[in-house]
Amino acid sequence: MKAFVFPGQGAQFVGMGKDLYENNPLAKELFEKANEILGYRITDIMFSGTDEELKQTKVTQPAVFLHSVIKAMSLGDEFQPDMVAGHSLGEFSALVAAGALNFEDGLKLVYARAMAMQKACEAAPSTMAAIVGLDDETIEKVCAEVSSEENIVVPANYNCPGQLVISGNIEAVNAACEKLKAAGAKRALVLPVGGAFHSPLMQPAKDELQAAIEATTFNTPKCPIYQNVDAQAHTNPEEIKANLIAQLTASVRWTQEVQNMIAAGATEFTECGPGKALQGMIGKIAKGNAEVSVCGIA
């Protein structure tokens, strides 16, 4: 069975999508439609902007979404997934690719999400850190010990065995990193991100996005989508909406998501979008399973 997966923020690079724009008439049409919807030429930043311009959350999220979705749409009849999933932002790409959302509504929601998250980041100094080489239980325990009402730190992204990202107030994240290094982590690296994604500090963004999601029409997707908040397969539009709203302040359970997709019969994973981050994660999650292959779309 074929699973298509879609990357999240962090996969962006200058030049992304340029080849699609120049060589595929449908892709060019969709990119130009996106420029109209957004009210500025995001393609100029994607194709020839600076790294700094592209790193802004309000630019990064629609850029990664557009590259991923347009790549999937450009495949035409070759895009025949048995299941889909997306990492954080990538969940929106997966929903559009699977027909649960149309292109225009998907882009509008992603832009609303990006703007709401940017505001939440500016409201509270916060960050994220990647913890490598430690088991999930130890990280969860340390986060619980360090966290307080004033200084929050929580597990945010369960990326693959031995790699978990924590998220929260700067002071709490730094304190957790020190404790985790003492507990045996190979690395505890603070990430260059604007804020504490997938933590309670995103509650203002969640409240803002909830209204936009509830006002948007969702359809039954053409195949199950595995969602971040519970790692389960969903096809019910109301369940999908509720999970999408919850996603902003909840952990991304990517490891469990991929494990559940494999258990449901997925043997071929294709990453659709910029970068190769998900291919690496899935390779580690499926390590030792000779039946599972992982690739990207050139």
C-alpha atoms as a PDB file:
ATOM      1  CA  MET A   1       0.000   0.000   0.000  1.00  0.00           C
ATOM      2  CA  LYS A   2       1.180   3.505  -0.854  1.00  0.00           C
ATOM      3  CA  ALA A   3       1.449   6.294   1.713  1.00  0.00           C
ATOM      4  CA  PHE A   4       2.201   9.891   0.714  1.00  0.00           C
ATOM      5  CA  VAL A   5       3.645  12.102   3.459  1.00  0.00           C
ATOM      6  CA  PHE A   6       4.084  15.875   3.570  1.00  0.00           C
ATOM      7  CA  PRO A   7       6.787  17.853   5.406  1.00  0.00           C
ATOM      8  CA  GLY A   8       6.375  20.772   7.787  1.00  0.00           C
ATOM      9  CA  GLN A   9       8.161  24.004   8.578  1.00  0.00           C
ATOM     10  CA  GLY A  10      11.953  23.756   8.345  1.00  0.00           C
ATOM     11  CA  ALA A  11      12.026  21.966   4.988  1.00  0.00           C
ATOM     12  CA  GLN A  12      12.085  25.216   2.986  1.00  0.00           C
ATOM     13  CA  PHE A  13      14.935  26.339   0.715  1.00  0.00           C
ATOM     14  CA  VAL A  14      15.417  29.208  -1.722  1.00  0.00           C
ATOM     15  CA  GLY A  15      14.555  28.048  -5.243  1.00  0.00           C
ATOM     16  CA  MET A  16      11.848  25.630  -4.080  1.00  0.00           C
ATOM     17  CA  GLY A  17       9.138  25.131  -6.698  1.00  0.00           C
ATOM     18  CA  LYS A  18      10.888  27.102  -9.442  1.00  0.00           C
ATOM     19  CA  ASP A  19      11.320  24.054 -11.669  1.00  0.00           C
ATOM     20  CA  LEU A  20       7.624  23.195 -11.270  1.00  0.00           C
ATOM     21  CA  TYR A  21       6.601  26.758 -12.158  1.00  0.00           C
ATOM     22  CA  GLU A  22       8.770  26.837 -15.270  1.00  0.00           C
ATOM     23  CA  ASN A  23       8.001  23.356 -16.598  1.00  0.00           C
ATOM     24  CA  ASN A  24       4.412  22.566 -15.626  1.00  0.00           C
ATOM     25  CA  PRO A  25       1.486  24.710 -16.838  1.00  0.00           C
ATOM     26  CA  LEU A  26      -0.831  23.540 -14.017  1.00  0.00           C
ATOM     27  CA  ALA A  27       1.828  24.341 -11.417  1.00  0.00           C
ATOM     28  CA  LYS A  28       2.338  27.826 -12.885  1.00  0.00           C
ATOM     29  CA  GLU A  29      -1.417  28.445 -12.791  1.00  0.00           C
ATOM     30  CA  LEU A  30      -1.655  27.333  -9.147  1.00  0.00           C
ATOM     31  CA  PHE A  31       1.353  29.402  -8.057  1.00  0.00           C
ATOM     32  CA  GLU A  32      -0.138  32.507  -9.727  1.00  0.00           C
ATOM     33  CA  LYS A  33      -3.488  31.798  -8.050  1.00  0.00           C
ATOM     34  CA  ALA A  34      -1.622  31.648  -4.717  1.00  0.00           C
ATOM     35  CA  ASN A  35      -0.005  35.040  -5.396  1.00  0.00           C
ATOM     36  CA  GLU A  36      -3.486  36.492  -5.923  1.00  0.00           C
ATOM     37  CA  ILE A  37      -4.952  34.904  -2.784  1.00  0.00           C
ATOM     38  CA  LEU A  38      -2.059  36.035  -0.581  1.00  0.00           C
ATOM     39  CA  GLY A  39      -1.915  39.535  -2.052  1.00  0.00           C
ATOM     40  CA  TYR A  40       1.849  39.424  -2.656  1.00  0.00           C
ATOM     41  CA  ARG A  41       4.167  37.421  -4.896  1.00  0.00           C
ATOM     42  CA  ILE A  42       5.274  34.634  -2.607  1.00  0.00           C
ATOM     43  CA  THR A  43       6.814  33.003  -5.683  1.00  0.00           C
ATOM     44  CA  ASP A  44       9.442  35.799  -5.812  1.00  0.00           C
ATOM     45  CA  ILE A  45      10.553  34.915  -2.257  1.00  0.00           C
ATOM     46  CA  MET A  46      10.384  31.164  -2.879  1.00  0.00           C
ATOM     47  CA  PHE A  47      12.307  31.235  -6.145  1.00  0.00           C
ATOM     48  CA  SER A  48      14.869  34.003  -5.574  1.00  0.00           C
ATOM     49  CA  GLY A  49      14.448  35.560  -2.110  1.00  0.00           C
ATOM     50  CA  THR A  50      16.855  35.380   0.813  1.00  0.00           C
ATOM     51  CA  ASP A  51      17.010  32.689   3.496  1.00  0.00           C
ATOM     52  CA  GLU A  52      15.938  35.306   6.054  1.00  0.00           C
ATOM     53  CA  GLU A  53      12.831  36.264   4.056  1.00  0.00           C
ATOM     54  CA  LEU A  54      11.891  32.627   3.615  1.00  0.00           C
ATOM     55  CA  LYS A  55      12.402  31.847   7.336  1.00  0.00           C
ATOM     56  CA  GLN A  56       9.585  34.140   8.470  1.00  0.00           C
ATOM     57  CA  THR A  57       6.730  31.924   9.722  1.00  0.00           C
ATOM     58  CA  LYS A  58       4.177  33.920   7.704  1.00  0.00           C
ATOM     59  CA  VAL A  59       6.168  33.121   4.524  1.00  0.00           C
ATOM     60  CA  THR A  60       7.580  29.688   5.376  1.00  0.00           C
ATOM     61  CA  GLN A  61       4.277  27.961   6.071  1.00  0.00           C
ATOM     62  CA  PRO A  62       2.445  28.940   2.863  1.00  0.00           C
ATOM     63  CA  ALA A  63       5.656  28.345   0.863  1.00  0.00           C
ATOM     64  CA  VAL A  64       6.129  24.768   2.125  1.00  0.00           C
ATOM     65  CA  PHE A  65       2.400  24.101   1.717  1.00  0.00           C
ATOM     66  CA  LEU A  66       2.391  25.378  -1.876  1.00  0.00           C
ATOM     67  CA  HIS A  67       5.464  23.419  -2.910  1.00  0.00           C
ATOM     68  CA  SER A  68       4.070  20.201  -1.400  1.00  0.00           C
ATOM     69  CA  VAL A  69       0.510  20.483  -2.705  1.00  0.00           C
ATOM     70  CA  ILE A  70       1.422  21.677  -6.194  1.00  0.00           C
ATOM     71  CA  LYS A  71       3.966  18.858  -6.468  1.00  0.00           C
ATOM     72  CA  ALA A  72       1.234  16.332  -5.595  1.00  0.00           C
ATOM     73  CA  MET A  73      -1.270  17.915  -7.998  1.00  0.00           C
ATOM     74  CA  SER A  74       1.332  17.949 -10.781  1.00  0.00           C
ATOM     75  CA  LEU A  75       1.615  14.154 -10.538  1.00  0.00           C
ATOM     76  CA  GLY A  76      -1.886  13.787 -11.989  1.00  0.00           C
ATOM     77  CA  ASP A  77      -2.917  10.122 -12.195  1.00  0.00           C
ATOM     78  CA  GLU A  78       0.361   9.064 -10.572  1.00  0.00           C
ATOM     79  CA  PHE A  79      -0.921  10.438  -7.261  1.00  0.00           C
ATOM     80  CA  GLN A  80      -2.897   7.451  -5.998  1.00  0.00           C
ATOM     81  CA  PRO A  81      -2.414   7.239  -2.220  1.00  0.00           C
ATOM     82  CA  ASP A  82      -3.922   4.539  -0.032  1.00  0.00           C
ATOM     83  CA  MET A  83      -3.287   6.809   2.960  1.00  0.00           C
ATOM     84  CA  VAL A  84      -1.722  10.216   3.661  1.00  0.00           C
ATOM     85  CA  ALA A  85      -0.152  12.068   6.589  1.00  0.00           C
ATOM     86  CA  GLY A  86       1.663  15.326   7.183  1.00  0.00           C
ATOM     87  CA  HIS A  87       4.088  16.511   9.854  1.00  0.00           C
ATOM     88  CA  SER A  88       2.583  19.535  11.658  1.00  0.00           C
ATOM     89  CA  LEU A  89       1.983  22.099   8.851  1.00  0.00           C
ATOM     90  CA  GLY A  90       2.213  19.166   6.421  1.00  0.00           C
ATOM     91  CA  GLU A  91      -1.148  17.912   7.673  1.00  0.00           C
ATOM     92  CA  PHE A  92      -2.806  20.766   5.739  1.00  0.00           C
ATOM     93  CA  SER A  93      -0.914  19.740   2.578  1.00  0.00           C
ATOM     94  CA  ALA A  94      -2.060  16.145   3.080  1.00  0.00           C
ATOM     95  CA  LEU A  95      -5.698  17.225   3.481  1.00  0.00           C
ATOM     96  CA  VAL A  96      -5.657  19.222   0.234  1.00  0.00           C
ATOM     97  CA  ALA A  97      -3.852  16.461  -1.669  1.00  0.00           C
ATOM     98  CA  ALA A  98      -6.432  13.939  -0.440  1.00  0.00           C
ATOM     99  CA  GLY A  99      -9.376  16.172  -1.386  1.00  0.00           C
ATOM    100  CA  ALA A 100     -10.619  17.001   2.126  1.00  0.00           C
ATOM    101  CA  LEU A 101      -9.915  20.684   1.462  1.00  0.00           C
ATOM    102  CA  ASN A 102      -9.794  22.572  -1.815  1.00  0.00           C
ATOM    103  CA  PHE A 103      -6.605  24.390  -2.814  1.00  0.00           C
ATOM    104  CA  GLU A 104      -7.874  27.913  -2.088  1.00  0.00           C
ATOM    105  CA  ASP A 105      -9.306  27.097   1.346  1.00  0.00           C
ATOM    106  CA  GLY A 106      -6.198  25.131   2.284  1.00  0.00           C
ATOM    107  CA  LEU A 107      -3.936  28.067   1.430  1.00  0.00           C
ATOM    108  CA  LYS A 108      -6.148  30.558   3.292  1.00  0.00           C
ATOM    109  CA  LEU A 109      -6.120  28.362   6.417  1.00  0.00           C
ATOM    110  CA  VAL A 110      -2.346  27.891   6.253  1.00  0.00           C
ATOM    111  CA  TYR A 111      -1.828  31.654   5.930  1.00  0.00           C
ATOM    112  CA  ALA A 112      -4.238  32.301   8.822  1.00  0.00           C
ATOM    113  CA  ARG A 113      -2.345  29.683  10.867  1.00  0.00           C
ATOM    114  CA  ALA A 114       1.015  31.270  10.041  1.00  0.00           C
ATOM    115  CA  MET A 115      -0.123  34.784  10.980  1.00  0.00           C
ATOM    116  CA  ALA A 116      -1.750  33.572  14.216  1.00  0.00           C
ATOM    117  CA  MET A 117       1.378  31.629  15.186  1.00  0.00           C
ATOM    118  CA  GLN A 118       3.614  34.606  14.380  1.00  0.00           C
ATOM    119  CA  LYS A 119       1.527  36.756  16.762  1.00  0.00           C
ATOM    120  CA  ALA A 120       1.662  34.105  19.494  1.00  0.00           C
ATOM    121  CA  CYS A 121       5.447  33.866  19.079  1.00  0.00           C
ATOM    122  CA  GLU A 122       5.835  37.623  19.504  1.00  0.00           C
ATOM    123  CA  ALA A 123       3.612  37.624  22.608  1.00  0.00           C
ATOM    124  CA  ALA A 124       5.787  35.241  24.642  1.00  0.00           C
ATOM    125  CA  PRO A 125       9.552  34.705  24.250  1.00  0.00           C
ATOM    126  CA  SER A 126       9.747  30.982  23.594  1.00  0.00           C
ATOM    127  CA  THR A 127      11.645  28.349  21.658  1.00  0.00           C
ATOM    128  CA  MET A 128      12.104  24.652  20.839  1.00  0.00           C
ATOM    129  CA  ALA A 129      15.003  22.217  21.227  1.00  0.00           C
ATOM    130  CA  ALA A 130      15.836  18.881  19.610  1.00  0.00           C
ATOM    131  CA  ILE A 131      16.822  16.115  22.032  1.00  0.00           C
ATOM    132  CA  VAL A 132      18.815  13.298  20.452  1.00  0.00           C
ATOM    133  CA  GLY A 133      19.786   9.920  21.887  1.00  0.00           C
ATOM    134  CA  LEU A 134      17.393   9.654  24.810  1.00  0.00           C
ATOM    135  CA  ASP A 135      14.211   7.654  25.325  1.00  0.00           C
ATOM    136  CA  ASP A 136      10.831   9.414  25.241  1.00  0.00           C
ATOM    137  CA  GLU A 137       9.941   8.519  28.837  1.00  0.00           C
ATOM    138  CA  THR A 138      13.033  10.239  30.284  1.00  0.00           C
ATOM    139  CA  ILE A 139      12.339  13.377  28.257  1.00  0.00           C
ATOM    140  CA  GLU A 140       8.686  13.413  29.350  1.00  0.00           C
ATOM    141  CA  LYS A 141       9.754  13.018  32.996  1.00  0.00           C
ATOM    142  CA  VAL A 142      12.318  15.855  32.849  1.00  0.00           C
ATOM    143  CA  CYS A 143       9.830  18.193  31.130  1.00  0.00           C
ATOM    144  CA  ALA A 144       7.291  17.487  33.884  1.00  0.00           C
ATOM    145  CA  GLU A 145       9.907  18.185  36.577  1.00  0.00           C
ATOM    146  CA  VAL A 146      11.084  21.464  35.035  1.00  0.00           C
ATOM    147  CA  SER A 147       7.720  22.823  33.913  1.00  0.00           C
ATOM    148  CA  SER A 148       5.682  25.266  36.023  1.00  0.00           C
ATOM    149  CA  GLU A 149       2.695  27.539  35.409  1.00  0.00           C
ATOM    150  CA  GLU A 150       5.009  30.457  34.606  1.00  0.00           C
ATOM    151  CA  ASN A 151       7.648  28.470  32.706  1.00  0.00           C
ATOM    152  CA  ILE A 152       6.303  25.720  30.467  1.00  0.00           C
ATOM    153  CA  VAL A 153       8.251  23.026  28.635  1.00  0.00           C
ATOM    154  CA  VAL A 154       6.551  20.045  26.984  1.00  0.00           C
ATOM    155  CA  PRO A 155       7.353  17.265  24.464  1.00  0.00           C
ATOM    156  CA  ALA A 156       6.285  18.706  21.101  1.00  0.00           C
ATOM    157  CA  ASN A 157       7.399  16.470  18.223  1.00  0.00           C
ATOM    158  CA  TYR A 158       7.885  12.707  18.588  1.00  0.00           C
ATOM    159  CA  ASN A 159       9.890  12.527  15.354  1.00  0.00           C
ATOM    160  CA  CYS A 160      11.458   9.055  15.507  1.00  0.00           C
ATOM    161  CA  PRO A 161      13.098   6.776  18.077  1.00  0.00           C
ATOM    162  CA  GLY A 162      15.899   8.749  19.715  1.00  0.00           C
ATOM    163  CA  GLN A 163      14.730  12.145  18.453  1.00  0.00           C
ATOM    164  CA  LEU A 164      12.152  14.251  20.259  1.00  0.00           C
ATOM    165  CA  VAL A 165      11.656  18.028  20.103  1.00  0.00           C
ATOM    166  CA  ILE A 166      10.642  19.925  23.250  1.00  0.00           C
ATOM    167  CA  SER A 167       8.879  23.283  23.280  1.00  0.00           C
ATOM    168  CA  GLY A 168       8.153  26.103  25.736  1.00  0.00           C
ATOM    169  CA  ASN A 169       9.403  29.259  27.448  1.00  0.00           C
ATOM    170  CA  ILE A 170      13.096  29.955  26.787  1.00  0.00           C
ATOM    171  CA  GLU A 171      14.118  29.603  30.454  1.00  0.00           C
ATOM    172  CA  ALA A 172      12.305  26.281  30.881  1.00  0.00           C
ATOM    173  CA  VAL A 173      13.638  24.850  27.595  1.00  0.00           C
ATOM    174  CA  ASN A 174      17.217  25.785  28.553  1.00  0.00           C
ATOM    175  CA  ALA A 175      16.798  24.234  32.011  1.00  0.00           C
ATOM    176  CA  ALA A 176      15.346  21.046  30.487  1.00  0.00           C
ATOM    177  CA  CYS A 177      18.244  20.848  28.006  1.00  0.00           C
ATOM    178  CA  GLU A 178      20.789  20.951  30.838  1.00  0.00           C
ATOM    179  CA  LYS A 179      18.971  18.236  32.766  1.00  0.00           C
ATOM    180  CA  LEU A 180      18.574  16.083  29.664  1.00  0.00           C
ATOM    181  CA  LYS A 181      22.280  16.343  28.817  1.00  0.00           C
ATOM    182  CA  ALA A 182      23.035  15.253  32.381  1.00  0.00           C
ATOM    183  CA  ALA A 183      20.603  12.356  31.889  1.00  0.00           C
ATOM    184  CA  GLY A 184      22.582  11.123  28.886  1.00  0.00           C
ATOM    185  CA  ALA A 185      21.240  12.923  25.812  1.00  0.00           C
ATOM    186  CA  LYS A 186      23.773  12.911  22.955  1.00  0.00           C
ATOM    187  CA  ARG A 187      22.573  16.363  21.926  1.00  0.00           C
ATOM    188  CA  ALA A 188      20.181  18.967  23.277  1.00  0.00           C
ATOM    189  CA  LEU A 189      20.120  21.614  20.577  1.00  0.00           C
ATOM    190  CA  VAL A 190      18.014  24.792  20.763  1.00  0.00           C
ATOM    191  CA  LEU A 191      16.429  25.284  17.327  1.00  0.00           C
ATOM    192  CA  PRO A 192      16.341  28.536  15.308  1.00  0.00           C
ATOM    193  CA  VAL A 193      12.537  28.869  15.434  1.00  0.00           C
ATOM    194  CA  GLY A 194      10.317  31.819  16.285  1.00  0.00           C
ATOM    195  CA  GLY A 195       8.418  30.268  19.150  1.00  0.00           C
ATOM    196  CA  ALA A 196       7.060  27.298  21.076  1.00  0.00           C
ATOM    197  CA  PHE A 197       5.039  25.430  18.465  1.00  0.00           C
ATOM    198  CA  HIS A 198       2.869  22.526  19.659  1.00  0.00           C
ATOM    199  CA  SER A 199       2.786  23.754  23.255  1.00  0.00           C
ATOM    200  CA  PRO A 200       0.190  25.508  25.456  1.00  0.00           C
ATOM    201  CA  LEU A 201       1.863  28.825  24.501  1.00  0.00           C
ATOM    202  CA  MET A 202       0.139  28.500  21.108  1.00  0.00           C
ATOM    203  CA  GLN A 203      -3.323  28.774  22.730  1.00  0.00           C
ATOM    204  CA  PRO A 204      -3.976  32.336  21.348  1.00  0.00           C
ATOM    205  CA  ALA A 205      -3.152  31.050  17.842  1.00  0.00           C
ATOM    206  CA  LYS A 206      -5.380  28.017  18.370  1.00  0.00           C
ATOM    207  CA  ASP A 207      -8.319  30.233  19.378  1.00  0.00           C
ATOM    208  CA  GLU A 208      -7.816  32.384  16.279  1.00  0.00           C
ATOM    209  CA  LEU A 209      -7.442  29.449  13.906  1.00  0.00           C
ATOM    210  CA  GLN A 210     -10.420  27.579  15.356  1.00  0.00           C
ATOM    211  CA  ALA A 211     -12.856  30.169  14.009  1.00  0.00           C
ATOM    212  CA  ALA A 212     -11.296  29.965  10.530  1.00  0.00           C
ATOM    213  CA  ILE A 213     -11.352  26.153  10.473  1.00  0.00           C
ATOM    214  CA  GLU A 214     -14.937  25.956  11.706  1.00  0.00           C
ATOM    215  CA  ALA A 215     -16.021  28.381   8.958  1.00  0.00           C
ATOM    216  CA  THR A 216     -14.366  26.264   6.233  1.00  0.00           C
ATOM    217  CA  THR A 217     -15.997  23.394   4.342  1.00  0.00           C
ATOM    218  CA  PHE A 218     -14.222  20.061   4.719  1.00  0.00           C
ATOM    219  CA  ASN A 219     -15.027  17.050   2.508  1.00  0.00           C
ATOM    220  CA  THR A 220     -14.535  13.326   3.038  1.00  0.00           C
ATOM    221  CA  PRO A 221     -10.980  12.615   1.819  1.00  0.00           C
ATOM    222  CA  LYS A 222     -10.409  10.034  -0.922  1.00  0.00           C
ATOM    223  CA  CYS A 223      -8.272   7.992   1.481  1.00  0.00           C
ATOM    224  CA  PRO A 224      -7.668   7.956   5.259  1.00  0.00           C
ATOM    225  CA  ILE A 225      -5.499  10.694   6.749  1.00  0.00           C
ATOM    226  CA  TYR A 226      -3.433   9.852   9.799  1.00  0.00           C
ATOM    227  CA  GLN A 227      -3.447  12.890  12.092  1.00  0.00           C
ATOM    228  CA  ASN A 228      -0.796  14.234  14.449  1.00  0.00           C
ATOM    229  CA  VAL A 229      -2.813  14.560  17.644  1.00  0.00           C
ATOM    230  CA  ASP A 230      -3.800  10.896  18.036  1.00  0.00           C
ATOM    231  CA  ALA A 231      -1.785   9.128  15.275  1.00  0.00           C
ATOM    232  CA  GLN A 232      -5.014   7.486  14.072  1.00  0.00           C
ATOM    233  CA  ALA A 233      -6.649   7.273  10.625  1.00  0.00           C
ATOM    234  CA  HIS A 234      -9.578   9.622   9.982  1.00  0.00           C
ATOM    235  CA  THR A 235     -12.063  10.173   7.168  1.00  0.00           C
ATOM    236  CA  ASN A 236     -14.882  11.956   9.034  1.00  0.00           C
ATOM    237  CA  PRO A 237     -14.708  15.719   8.182  1.00  0.00           C
ATOM    238  CA  GLU A 238     -15.837  16.807  11.665  1.00  0.00           C
ATOM    239  CA  GLU A 239     -13.211  14.625  13.362  1.00  0.00           C
ATOM    240  CA  ILE A 240     -10.565  15.940  10.972  1.00  0.00           C
ATOM    241  CA  LYS A 241     -11.488  19.554  11.805  1.00  0.00           C
ATOM    242  CA  ALA A 242     -11.419  18.937  15.562  1.00  0.00           C
ATOM    243  CA  ASN A 243      -8.001  17.281  15.333  1.00  0.00           C
ATOM    244  CA  LEU A 244      -6.646  20.085  13.168  1.00  0.00           C
ATOM    245  CA  ILE A 245      -7.744  22.661  15.756  1.00  0.00           C
ATOM    246  CA  ALA A 246      -6.211  20.645  18.612  1.00  0.00           C
ATOM    247  CA  GLN A 247      -2.948  20.220  16.705  1.00  0.00           C
ATOM    248  CA  LEU A 248      -1.527  23.684  17.478  1.00  0.00           C
ATOM    249  CA  THR A 249      -1.162  23.063  21.210  1.00  0.00           C
ATOM    250  CA  ALA A 250      -0.772  19.256  21.101  1.00  0.00           C
ATOM    251  CA  SER A 251       2.252  17.039  20.457  1.00  0.00           C
ATOM    252  CA  VAL A 252       2.976  15.748  16.954  1.00  0.00           C
ATOM    253  CA  ARG A 253       2.949  11.955  17.390  1.00  0.00           C
ATOM    254  CA  TRP A 254       4.828  11.226  14.177  1.00  0.00           C
ATOM    255  CA  THR A 255       6.599   8.059  15.360  1.00  0.00           C
ATOM    256  CA  GLN A 256       3.316   6.435  16.366  1.00  0.00           C
ATOM    257  CA  GLU A 257       1.619   7.754  13.218  1.00  0.00           C
ATOM    258  CA  VAL A 258       4.113   6.027  10.921  1.00  0.00           C
ATOM    259  CA  GLN A 259       4.007   2.845  13.038  1.00  0.00           C
ATOM    260  CA  ASN A 260       0.207   2.802  12.704  1.00  0.00           C
ATOM    261  CA  MET A 261       0.416   3.337   8.936  1.00  0.00           C
ATOM    262  CA  ILE A 262       2.823   0.397   8.625  1.00  0.00           C
ATOM    263  CA  ALA A 263       0.509  -1.718  10.798  1.00  0.00           C
ATOM    264  CA  ALA A 264      -2.352  -0.818   8.420  1.00  0.00           C
ATOM    265  CA  GLY A 265      -0.363  -2.115   5.445  1.00  0.00           C
ATOM    266  CA  ALA A 266       1.783   0.799   4.204  1.00  0.00           C
ATOM    267  CA  THR A 267       4.894  -0.538   2.484  1.00  0.00           C
ATOM    268  CA  GLU A 268       5.812   2.413   0.245  1.00  0.00           C
ATOM    269  CA  PHE A 269       6.255   5.912   1.727  1.00  0.00           C
ATOM    270  CA  THR A 270       6.732   8.855  -0.644  1.00  0.00           C
ATOM    271  CA  GLU A 271       7.686  12.275   0.712  1.00  0.00           C
ATOM    272  CA  CYS A 272       5.979  14.984  -1.320  1.00  0.00           C
ATOM    273  CA  GLY A 273       7.458  18.425  -0.734  1.00  0.00           C
ATOM    274  CA  PRO A 274      10.790  20.133  -0.064  1.00  0.00           C
ATOM    275  CA  GLY A 275      13.648  18.354   1.675  1.00  0.00           C
ATOM    276  CA  LYS A 276      14.189  14.793   2.878  1.00  0.00           C
ATOM    277  CA  ALA A 277      13.550  15.116   6.630  1.00  0.00           C
ATOM    278  CA  LEU A 278      10.569  12.761   6.703  1.00  0.00           C
ATOM    279  CA  GLN A 279      12.416  10.117   4.671  1.00  0.00           C
ATOM    280  CA  GLY A 280      15.117  10.044   7.336  1.00  0.00           C
ATOM    281  CA  MET A 281      12.596   9.836  10.184  1.00  0.00           C
ATOM    282  CA  ILE A 282      10.556   7.075   8.539  1.00  0.00           C
ATOM    283  CA  GLY A 283      13.730   5.122   7.792  1.00  0.00           C
ATOM    284  CA  LYS A 284      14.545   5.109  11.523  1.00  0.00           C
ATOM    285  CA  ILE A 285      10.961   4.286  12.560  1.00  0.00           C
ATOM    286  CA  ALA A 286      10.789   1.360  10.104  1.00  0.00           C
ATOM    287  CA  LYS A 287      14.360   0.193  10.773  1.00  0.00           C
ATOM    288  CA  GLY A 288      14.652  -3.564  10.341  1.00  0.00           C
ATOM    289  CA  ASN A 289      11.401  -3.827   8.380  1.00  0.00           C
ATOM    290  CA  ALA A 290      12.565  -4.976   4.938  1.00  0.00           C
ATOM    291  CA  GLU A 291       9.070  -4.584   3.453  1.00  0.00           C
ATOM    292  CA  VAL A 292       9.016  -0.804   3.917  1.00  0.00           C
ATOM    293  CA  SER A 293      10.594   1.483   1.282  1.00  0.00           C
ATOM    294  CA  VAL A 294      10.956   5.262   1.521  1.00  0.00           C
ATOM    295  CA  CYS A 295      11.533   7.751  -1.286  1.00  0.00           C
ATOM    296  CA  GLY A 296      10.921  11.347  -2.352  1.00  0.00           C
ATOM    297  CA  ILE A 297       9.630  12.943  -5.522  1.00  0.00           C
ATOM    298  CA  ALA A 298      12.329  14.568  -7.615  1.00  0.00           C
END
